[in-house]
C-alpha cells in the first residue's frame, strides 16, 4: 500500500529528529534536573540509533531507560511507539502514542504518525480522523500530505469516493504534489477510468517534473489503452530520466519474463 511508503518517510523523519534534538519535557527532579535530562537525552539518542539499525533489543533497553529518566517527553513516547510497532505489541503502540499526544496535544506530527499506524492496522476511521486533524492544524507544515495519506487509507478500505475527494483536496493545496497525482491517477485506473486518469497524468507532466513512479504508471496505462506510442513515450522518458531506478528495472524484468 502506498501509505506504507509514506509511513516509512514519516518514520525516518521522526527517528532523525529524535537523534538530533534534546528532550522537550520539563525537569523531573529539581535537585538534579540537568543530569536527569542529559541521561534521558543520551539514552533516547542511543535507542533511536539502535532502532534505525534494527537492533531492537538494545533500542528497547535504551528507550525504556530514557522514559524512566524523563517520562514527560512526548518524543520519547513517539519513538517507543515505533519500537513497539516493530515488536508487534499493539497495546504498547497505542499507549505510547496516546501518551505522546496527551503531553503534546498541539504537535500535529505525532498525530499524523499515529494515524499512519492506525491505517496500517486497518483502523480506517480512527486513522482518517487523525490525518484530518493534522491537516487542519495550523502548525502542521504539510497538510497536503495528511490529506494524501487519508486518501490512501480510505482507498485501502475501498472507500473510493472519499479517497478521490481527499486526493483532490491535497491537490487544491499543492497542485504539483506528485504523490497525490499518482494516487489519484492510479485509483482512476483501478476503477476503469483509464482515459480520464491518463489525461490528468499528461496534464500534470506538461508543467511539472516527472517521477519514476508516474512514468511507470504512464506505461501501464498506455498498455491498458493499447497505445503503443504512449507506452514508448513513457518508457523512453523513464530510461533517460531515471536510468538506474527500481521502476525501470521492474519494467525491464517484466519484458524479460513476460509470463
C-alpha atoms as a PDB file:
ATOM      1  CA  UNK A   1       0.000   0.000   0.000  1.00  0.00           C
ATOM      2  CA  UNK A   2       1.225   3.466  -0.797  1.00  0.00           C
ATOM      3  CA  UNK A   3       0.690   4.829   2.683  1.00  0.00           C
ATOM      4  CA  UNK A   4       3.304   2.283   3.809  1.00  0.00           C
ATOM      5  CA  UNK A   5       5.837   4.203   1.715  1.00  0.00           C
ATOM      6  CA  UNK A   6       4.720   7.489   3.246  1.00  0.00           C
ATOM      7  CA  UNK A   7       4.839   5.943   6.664  1.00  0.00           C
ATOM      8  CA  UNK A   8       8.458   4.999   6.078  1.00  0.00           C
ATOM      9  CA  UNK A   9       9.257   8.607   5.247  1.00  0.00           C
ATOM     10  CA  UNK A  10       7.481   9.814   8.361  1.00  0.00           C
ATOM     11  CA  UNK A  11       9.318   7.247  10.448  1.00  0.00           C
ATOM     12  CA  UNK A  12      12.708   8.239   9.066  1.00  0.00           C
ATOM     13  CA  UNK A  13      11.962  11.901   9.758  1.00  0.00           C
ATOM     14  CA  UNK A  14      10.904  11.174  13.314  1.00  0.00           C
ATOM     15  CA  UNK A  15      13.932   8.990  14.002  1.00  0.00           C
ATOM     16  CA  UNK A  16      16.266  11.613  12.568  1.00  0.00           C
ATOM     17  CA  UNK A  17      14.653  14.316  14.695  1.00  0.00           C
ATOM     18  CA  UNK A  18      15.000  12.215  17.810  1.00  0.00           C
ATOM     19  CA  UNK A  19      18.691  11.765  17.121  1.00  0.00           C
ATOM     20  CA  UNK A  20      19.273  15.486  16.648  1.00  0.00           C
ATOM     21  CA  UNK A  21      17.174  17.044  19.412  1.00  0.00           C
ATOM     22  CA  UNK A  22      17.180  17.022  23.160  1.00  0.00           C
ATOM     23  CA  UNK A  23      14.249  16.238  25.391  1.00  0.00           C
ATOM     24  CA  UNK A  24      11.321  18.614  25.365  1.00  0.00           C
ATOM     25  CA  UNK A  25       9.715  17.629  28.646  1.00  0.00           C
ATOM     26  CA  UNK A  26      10.129  19.553  31.916  1.00  0.00           C
ATOM     27  CA  UNK A  27      12.765  18.732  34.504  1.00  0.00           C
ATOM     28  CA  UNK A  28      11.751  15.760  36.557  1.00  0.00           C
ATOM     29  CA  UNK A  29      13.906  16.466  39.611  1.00  0.00           C
ATOM     30  CA  UNK A  30      14.732  19.950  40.838  1.00  0.00           C
ATOM     31  CA  UNK A  31      17.924  18.868  42.520  1.00  0.00           C
ATOM     32  CA  UNK A  32      19.439  17.018  39.585  1.00  0.00           C
ATOM     33  CA  UNK A  33      17.237  18.059  36.683  1.00  0.00           C
ATOM     34  CA  UNK A  34      20.124  18.770  34.307  1.00  0.00           C
ATOM     35  CA  UNK A  35      21.741  15.391  34.898  1.00  0.00           C
ATOM     36  CA  UNK A  36      18.403  13.648  34.544  1.00  0.00           C
ATOM     37  CA  UNK A  37      17.617  15.363  31.269  1.00  0.00           C
ATOM     38  CA  UNK A  38      21.079  14.644  29.918  1.00  0.00           C
ATOM     39  CA  UNK A  39      20.696  10.975  30.780  1.00  0.00           C
ATOM     40  CA  UNK A  40      17.254  10.888  29.158  1.00  0.00           C
ATOM     41  CA  UNK A  41      18.533  12.609  26.036  1.00  0.00           C
ATOM     42  CA  UNK A  42      21.577  10.370  25.705  1.00  0.00           C
ATOM     43  CA  UNK A  43      19.541   7.193  26.095  1.00  0.00           C
ATOM     44  CA  UNK A  44      16.937   8.482  23.658  1.00  0.00           C
ATOM     45  CA  UNK A  45      19.579   9.187  21.032  1.00  0.00           C
ATOM     46  CA  UNK A  46      21.239   5.817  21.552  1.00  0.00           C
ATOM     47  CA  UNK A  47      17.922   3.998  21.487  1.00  0.00           C
ATOM     48  CA  UNK A  48      16.853   5.796  18.350  1.00  0.00           C
ATOM     49  CA  UNK A  49      20.142   4.949  16.641  1.00  0.00           C
ATOM     50  CA  UNK A  50      19.747   1.283  17.558  1.00  0.00           C
ATOM     51  CA  UNK A  51      16.181   1.345  16.264  1.00  0.00           C
ATOM     52  CA  UNK A  52      17.331   2.744  12.923  1.00  0.00           C
ATOM     53  CA  UNK A  53      19.942  -0.033  12.753  1.00  0.00           C
ATOM     54  CA  UNK A  54      17.336  -2.688  13.523  1.00  0.00           C
ATOM     55  CA  UNK A  55      18.843  -3.672  16.871  1.00  0.00           C
ATOM     56  CA  UNK A  56      15.515  -3.833  18.672  1.00  0.00           C
ATOM     57  CA  UNK A  57      16.770  -5.339  21.915  1.00  0.00           C
ATOM     58  CA  UNK A  58      19.257  -2.541  22.595  1.00  0.00           C
ATOM     59  CA  UNK A  59      16.799   0.054  21.323  1.00  0.00           C
ATOM     60  CA  UNK A  60      14.227  -1.175  23.830  1.00  0.00           C
ATOM     61  CA  UNK A  61      16.723  -1.090  26.682  1.00  0.00           C
ATOM     62  CA  UNK A  62      17.878   2.474  25.948  1.00  0.00           C
ATOM     63  CA  UNK A  63      14.466   3.941  25.149  1.00  0.00           C
ATOM     64  CA  UNK A  64      12.801   2.467  28.218  1.00  0.00           C
ATOM     65  CA  UNK A  65      15.656   3.818  30.317  1.00  0.00           C
ATOM     66  CA  UNK A  66      15.158   7.230  28.704  1.00  0.00           C
ATOM     67  CA  UNK A  67      11.463   7.077  29.596  1.00  0.00           C
ATOM     68  CA  UNK A  68      12.317   6.390  33.230  1.00  0.00           C
ATOM     69  CA  UNK A  69      14.544   9.467  33.334  1.00  0.00           C
ATOM     70  CA  UNK A  70      12.007  11.736  31.639  1.00  0.00           C
ATOM     71  CA  UNK A  71       8.532  10.215  31.270  1.00  0.00           C
ATOM     72  CA  UNK A  72       7.061  13.570  30.241  1.00  0.00           C
ATOM     73  CA  UNK A  73       8.989  13.847  26.970  1.00  0.00           C
ATOM     74  CA  UNK A  74       6.466  13.239  24.147  1.00  0.00           C
ATOM     75  CA  UNK A  75       9.265  12.490  21.705  1.00  0.00           C
ATOM     76  CA  UNK A  76      10.419   9.518  23.755  1.00  0.00           C
ATOM     77  CA  UNK A  77       6.918   8.080  23.682  1.00  0.00           C
ATOM     78  CA  UNK A  78       6.685   8.637  19.913  1.00  0.00           C
ATOM     79  CA  UNK A  79       9.858   6.668  19.292  1.00  0.00           C
ATOM     80  CA  UNK A  80       8.782   3.986  21.762  1.00  0.00           C
ATOM     81  CA  UNK A  81       5.580   3.630  19.755  1.00  0.00           C
ATOM     82  CA  UNK A  82       7.654   2.972  16.634  1.00  0.00           C
ATOM     83  CA  UNK A  83       9.719   0.426  18.537  1.00  0.00           C
ATOM     84  CA  UNK A  84       6.689  -1.458  19.803  1.00  0.00           C
ATOM     85  CA  UNK A  85       5.157  -1.426  16.349  1.00  0.00           C
ATOM     86  CA  UNK A  86       8.227  -3.258  15.102  1.00  0.00           C
ATOM     87  CA  UNK A  87       7.960  -5.635  18.045  1.00  0.00           C
ATOM     88  CA  UNK A  88       4.294  -6.191  17.144  1.00  0.00           C
ATOM     89  CA  UNK A  89       2.917  -5.197  20.547  1.00  0.00           C
ATOM     90  CA  UNK A  90      -0.113  -3.095  19.532  1.00  0.00           C
ATOM     91  CA  UNK A  91      -1.253  -2.321  23.086  1.00  0.00           C
ATOM     92  CA  UNK A  92       2.056  -0.602  23.785  1.00  0.00           C
ATOM     93  CA  UNK A  93       1.956   1.231  20.459  1.00  0.00           C
ATOM     94  CA  UNK A  94      -1.428   2.706  21.292  1.00  0.00           C
ATOM     95  CA  UNK A  95      -0.430   3.521  24.855  1.00  0.00           C
ATOM     96  CA  UNK A  96       2.708   5.423  23.884  1.00  0.00           C
ATOM     97  CA  UNK A  97       1.095   7.344  21.026  1.00  0.00           C
ATOM     98  CA  UNK A  98      -1.761   8.383  23.307  1.00  0.00           C
ATOM     99  CA  UNK A  99       0.699   9.460  25.989  1.00  0.00           C
ATOM    100  CA  UNK A 100       2.700  11.460  23.432  1.00  0.00           C
ATOM    101  CA  UNK A 101      -0.468  13.180  22.215  1.00  0.00           C
ATOM    102  CA  UNK A 102      -1.553  13.941  25.786  1.00  0.00           C
ATOM    103  CA  UNK A 103       1.839  15.510  26.511  1.00  0.00           C
ATOM    104  CA  UNK A 104       1.976  17.412  23.203  1.00  0.00           C
ATOM    105  CA  UNK A 105      -1.647  17.891  22.064  1.00  0.00           C
ATOM    106  CA  UNK A 106      -0.704  20.613  19.569  1.00  0.00           C
ATOM    107  CA  UNK A 107       2.011  18.585  17.808  1.00  0.00           C
ATOM    108  CA  UNK A 108       0.438  17.505  14.501  1.00  0.00           C
ATOM    109  CA  UNK A 109       3.380  15.279  13.522  1.00  0.00           C
ATOM    110  CA  UNK A 110       2.716  12.936  16.432  1.00  0.00           C
ATOM    111  CA  UNK A 111      -0.955  12.705  15.493  1.00  0.00           C
ATOM    112  CA  UNK A 112      -0.012  12.116  11.856  1.00  0.00           C
ATOM    113  CA  UNK A 113       2.392   9.299  12.751  1.00  0.00           C
ATOM    114  CA  UNK A 114      -0.269   7.682  14.927  1.00  0.00           C
ATOM    115  CA  UNK A 115      -2.704   7.943  12.019  1.00  0.00           C
ATOM    116  CA  UNK A 116      -0.256   6.110   9.762  1.00  0.00           C
ATOM    117  CA  UNK A 117      -0.087   3.295  12.293  1.00  0.00           C
ATOM    118  CA  UNK A 118      -3.873   3.158  12.662  1.00  0.00           C
ATOM    119  CA  UNK A 119      -4.356   2.849   8.909  1.00  0.00           C
ATOM    120  CA  UNK A 120      -1.736   0.151   8.637  1.00  0.00           C
ATOM    121  CA  UNK A 121      -3.597  -1.701  11.387  1.00  0.00           C
ATOM    122  CA  UNK A 122      -6.862  -1.451   9.446  1.00  0.00           C
ATOM    123  CA  UNK A 123      -8.417   1.077  11.829  1.00  0.00           C
ATOM    124  CA  UNK A 124      -9.526   3.322   8.994  1.00  0.00           C
ATOM    125  CA  UNK A 125     -11.973   5.647  10.723  1.00  0.00           C
ATOM    126  CA  UNK A 126      -9.558   6.415  13.549  1.00  0.00           C
ATOM    127  CA  UNK A 127      -6.653   6.925  11.178  1.00  0.00           C
ATOM    128  CA  UNK A 128      -8.517   9.206   8.789  1.00  0.00           C
ATOM    129  CA  UNK A 129      -9.846  11.265  11.682  1.00  0.00           C
ATOM    130  CA  UNK A 130      -6.322  11.910  12.929  1.00  0.00           C
ATOM    131  CA  UNK A 131      -4.994  12.665   9.443  1.00  0.00           C
ATOM    132  CA  UNK A 132      -7.683  15.287   9.012  1.00  0.00           C
ATOM    133  CA  UNK A 133      -6.931  16.732  12.436  1.00  0.00           C
ATOM    134  CA  UNK A 134      -3.291  17.100  11.375  1.00  0.00           C
ATOM    135  CA  UNK A 135      -4.271  18.652   8.052  1.00  0.00           C
ATOM    136  CA  UNK A 136      -6.439  21.247   9.763  1.00  0.00           C
ATOM    137  CA  UNK A 137      -3.845  22.081  12.395  1.00  0.00           C
ATOM    138  CA  UNK A 138      -2.294  25.473  11.507  1.00  0.00           C
ATOM    139  CA  UNK A 139       1.025  24.304  12.963  1.00  0.00           C
ATOM    140  CA  UNK A 140       1.282  21.413  10.500  1.00  0.00           C
ATOM    141  CA  UNK A 141       3.506  22.427   7.596  1.00  0.00           C
ATOM    142  CA  UNK A 142       2.379  19.853   5.033  1.00  0.00           C
ATOM    143  CA  UNK A 143      -1.402  19.438   5.248  1.00  0.00           C
ATOM    144  CA  UNK A 144      -1.424  18.202   1.654  1.00  0.00           C
ATOM    145  CA  UNK A 145       0.496  15.099   2.754  1.00  0.00           C
ATOM    146  CA  UNK A 146      -2.004  14.435   5.532  1.00  0.00           C
ATOM    147  CA  UNK A 147      -4.857  14.595   3.002  1.00  0.00           C
ATOM    148  CA  UNK A 148      -2.926  12.301   0.670  1.00  0.00           C
ATOM    149  CA  UNK A 149      -2.341   9.795   3.455  1.00  0.00           C
ATOM    150  CA  UNK A 150      -6.018   9.985   4.383  1.00  0.00           C
ATOM    151  CA  UNK A 151      -6.883   9.219   0.770  1.00  0.00           C
ATOM    152  CA  UNK A 152      -4.610   6.193   0.662  1.00  0.00           C
ATOM    153  CA  UNK A 153      -6.065   4.944   3.931  1.00  0.00           C
ATOM    154  CA  UNK A 154      -9.588   5.291   2.525  1.00  0.00           C
ATOM    155  CA  UNK A 155      -8.557   3.656  -0.732  1.00  0.00           C
ATOM    156  CA  UNK A 156      -7.196   0.645   1.129  1.00  0.00           C
ATOM    157  CA  UNK A 157     -10.621   0.333   2.742  1.00  0.00           C
ATOM    158  CA  UNK A 158     -12.256   0.523  -0.723  1.00  0.00           C
ATOM    159  CA  UNK A 159     -13.935   3.816   0.132  1.00  0.00           C
ATOM    160  CA  UNK A 160     -13.098   5.173  -3.287  1.00  0.00           C
ATOM    161  CA  UNK A 161     -15.279   8.297  -3.449  1.00  0.00           C
ATOM    162  CA  UNK A 162     -13.915   9.550  -0.151  1.00  0.00           C
ATOM    163  CA  UNK A 163     -10.373   8.733  -1.266  1.00  0.00           C
ATOM    164  CA  UNK A 164     -10.867  10.691  -4.507  1.00  0.00           C
ATOM    165  CA  UNK A 165     -12.059  13.708  -2.543  1.00  0.00           C
ATOM    166  CA  UNK A 166      -9.059  13.508  -0.217  1.00  0.00           C
ATOM    167  CA  UNK A 167      -6.603  13.445  -3.138  1.00  0.00           C
ATOM    168  CA  UNK A 168      -8.430  16.363  -4.748  1.00  0.00           C
ATOM    169  CA  UNK A 169      -8.172  18.325  -1.525  1.00  0.00           C
ATOM    170  CA  UNK A 170      -4.431  17.656  -1.354  1.00  0.00           C
ATOM    171  CA  UNK A 171      -4.003  18.912  -4.913  1.00  0.00           C
ATOM    172  CA  UNK A 172      -6.021  22.038  -4.177  1.00  0.00           C
ATOM    173  CA  UNK A 173      -3.424  22.886  -1.553  1.00  0.00           C
ATOM    174  CA  UNK A 174      -0.410  21.839  -3.628  1.00  0.00           C
ATOM    175  CA  UNK A 175      -1.151  21.201  -7.318  1.00  0.00           C
ATOM    176  CA  UNK A 176       2.377  19.926  -8.005  1.00  0.00           C
ATOM    177  CA  UNK A 177       2.295  17.157  -5.383  1.00  0.00           C
ATOM    178  CA  UNK A 178       3.375  14.145  -7.410  1.00  0.00           C
ATOM    179  CA  UNK A 179       2.326  11.582  -4.802  1.00  0.00           C
ATOM    180  CA  UNK A 180      -1.265  12.861  -4.744  1.00  0.00           C
ATOM    181  CA  UNK A 181      -1.365  12.822  -8.548  1.00  0.00           C
ATOM    182  CA  UNK A 182      -0.025   9.280  -8.597  1.00  0.00           C
ATOM    183  CA  UNK A 183      -2.621   8.111  -6.107  1.00  0.00           C
ATOM    184  CA  UNK A 184      -5.459   9.874  -7.908  1.00  0.00           C
ATOM    185  CA  UNK A 185      -4.493   8.584 -11.354  1.00  0.00           C
ATOM    186  CA  UNK A 186      -3.800   5.053 -10.146  1.00  0.00           C
ATOM    187  CA  UNK A 187      -7.186   4.969  -8.435  1.00  0.00           C
ATOM    188  CA  UNK A 188      -8.900   6.080 -11.638  1.00  0.00           C
ATOM    189  CA  UNK A 189      -7.150   3.286 -13.495  1.00  0.00           C
ATOM    190  CA  UNK A 190      -8.223   0.768 -10.854  1.00  0.00           C
ATOM    191  CA  UNK A 191     -11.820   1.901 -11.270  1.00  0.00           C
ATOM    192  CA  UNK A 192     -11.687   1.537 -15.049  1.00  0.00           C
ATOM    193  CA  UNK A 193     -11.402   5.260 -15.797  1.00  0.00           C
ATOM    194  CA  UNK A 194      -8.041   4.915 -17.521  1.00  0.00           C
ATOM    195  CA  UNK A 195      -8.532   7.598 -20.233  1.00  0.00           C
ATOM    196  CA  UNK A 196      -9.505  10.169 -17.607  1.00  0.00           C
ATOM    197  CA  UNK A 197      -6.528   9.221 -15.474  1.00  0.00           C
ATOM    198  CA  UNK A 198      -4.198   9.374 -18.456  1.00  0.00           C
ATOM    199  CA  UNK A 199      -5.482  12.873 -19.242  1.00  0.00           C
ATOM    200  CA  UNK A 200      -4.770  14.001 -15.678  1.00  0.00           C
ATOM    201  CA  UNK A 201      -1.290  12.470 -15.814  1.00  0.00           C
ATOM    202  CA  UNK A 202      -0.398  14.082 -19.136  1.00  0.00           C
ATOM    203  CA  UNK A 203      -1.655  17.455 -17.951  1.00  0.00           C
ATOM    204  CA  UNK A 204       0.467  17.216 -14.811  1.00  0.00           C
ATOM    205  CA  UNK A 205       3.606  16.217 -16.726  1.00  0.00           C
ATOM    206  CA  UNK A 206       3.348  19.157 -19.115  1.00  0.00           C
ATOM    207  CA  UNK A 207       4.076  21.622 -16.300  1.00  0.00           C
ATOM    208  CA  UNK A 208       5.774  19.568 -13.567  1.00  0.00           C
ATOM    209  CA  UNK A 209       8.781  17.321 -13.178  1.00  0.00           C
ATOM    210  CA  UNK A 210       8.174  13.628 -13.640  1.00  0.00           C
ATOM    211  CA  UNK A 211       8.848  10.922 -11.086  1.00  0.00           C
ATOM    212  CA  UNK A 212       9.777   7.351 -11.880  1.00  0.00           C
ATOM    213  CA  UNK A 213       6.501   6.169 -10.367  1.00  0.00           C
ATOM    214  CA  UNK A 214       4.448   8.481 -12.572  1.00  0.00           C
ATOM    215  CA  UNK A 215       6.259   7.434 -15.741  1.00  0.00           C
ATOM    216  CA  UNK A 216       5.863   3.749 -14.942  1.00  0.00           C
ATOM    217  CA  UNK A 217       2.185   4.406 -14.289  1.00  0.00           C
ATOM    218  CA  UNK A 218       2.025   6.045 -17.700  1.00  0.00           C
ATOM    219  CA  UNK A 219       3.484   2.888 -19.262  1.00  0.00           C
ATOM    220  CA  UNK A 220       0.884   0.738 -17.512  1.00  0.00           C
ATOM    221  CA  UNK A 221      -1.981   2.990 -18.558  1.00  0.00           C
ATOM    222  CA  UNK A 222      -0.804   3.109 -22.167  1.00  0.00           C
ATOM    223  CA  UNK A 223      -0.695  -0.676 -22.275  1.00  0.00           C
ATOM    224  CA  UNK A 224      -4.209  -0.853 -20.884  1.00  0.00           C
ATOM    225  CA  UNK A 225      -5.339   1.510 -23.638  1.00  0.00           C
ATOM    226  CA  UNK A 226      -3.328  -0.387 -26.327  1.00  0.00           C
ATOM    227  CA  UNK A 227      -1.463   2.856 -27.024  1.00  0.00           C
ATOM    228  CA  UNK A 228       1.930   1.726 -28.312  1.00  0.00           C
ATOM    229  CA  UNK A 229       3.141   5.267 -28.993  1.00  0.00           C
ATOM    230  CA  UNK A 230       2.226   6.366 -25.486  1.00  0.00           C
ATOM    231  CA  UNK A 231       3.926   3.328 -23.998  1.00  0.00           C
ATOM    232  CA  UNK A 232       7.110   4.084 -25.909  1.00  0.00           C
ATOM    233  CA  UNK A 233       6.987   7.751 -24.903  1.00  0.00           C
ATOM    234  CA  UNK A 234       6.805   6.990 -21.186  1.00  0.00           C
ATOM    235  CA  UNK A 235       9.338   4.171 -21.445  1.00  0.00           C
ATOM    236  CA  UNK A 236      11.816   6.433 -23.202  1.00  0.00           C
ATOM    237  CA  UNK A 237      11.489   9.114 -20.529  1.00  0.00           C
ATOM    238  CA  UNK A 238      11.922   6.522 -17.805  1.00  0.00           C
ATOM    239  CA  UNK A 239      15.145   5.293 -19.423  1.00  0.00           C
ATOM    240  CA  UNK A 240      16.542   8.792 -19.915  1.00  0.00           C
ATOM    241  CA  UNK A 241      15.463  10.482 -16.690  1.00  0.00           C
ATOM    242  CA  UNK A 242      15.621   7.548 -14.262  1.00  0.00           C
ATOM    243  CA  UNK A 243      18.188   5.213 -15.745  1.00  0.00           C
ATOM    244  CA  UNK A 244      19.093   3.428 -12.507  1.00  0.00           C
ATOM    245  CA  UNK A 245      15.654   3.398 -10.955  1.00  0.00           C
ATOM    246  CA  UNK A 246      13.861   0.438  -9.445  1.00  0.00           C
ATOM    247  CA  UNK A 247      10.887   1.278 -11.671  1.00  0.00           C
ATOM    248  CA  UNK A 248      12.946   0.890 -14.836  1.00  0.00           C
ATOM    249  CA  UNK A 249      14.418  -2.367 -13.565  1.00  0.00           C
ATOM    250  CA  UNK A 250      10.943  -3.721 -12.885  1.00  0.00           C
ATOM    251  CA  UNK A 251       9.887  -2.736 -16.394  1.00  0.00           C
ATOM    252  CA  UNK A 252      12.901  -4.462 -17.926  1.00  0.00           C
ATOM    253  CA  UNK A 253      12.340  -7.556 -15.772  1.00  0.00           C
ATOM    254  CA  UNK A 254       8.751  -7.733 -16.953  1.00  0.00           C
ATOM    255  CA  UNK A 255       9.882  -7.647 -20.573  1.00  0.00           C
ATOM    256  CA  UNK A 256      12.434 -10.418 -19.974  1.00  0.00           C
ATOM    257  CA  UNK A 257       9.893 -12.522 -18.091  1.00  0.00           C
ATOM    258  CA  UNK A 258       6.505 -11.807 -19.661  1.00  0.00           C
ATOM    259  CA  UNK A 259       4.917 -14.846 -18.045  1.00  0.00           C
END
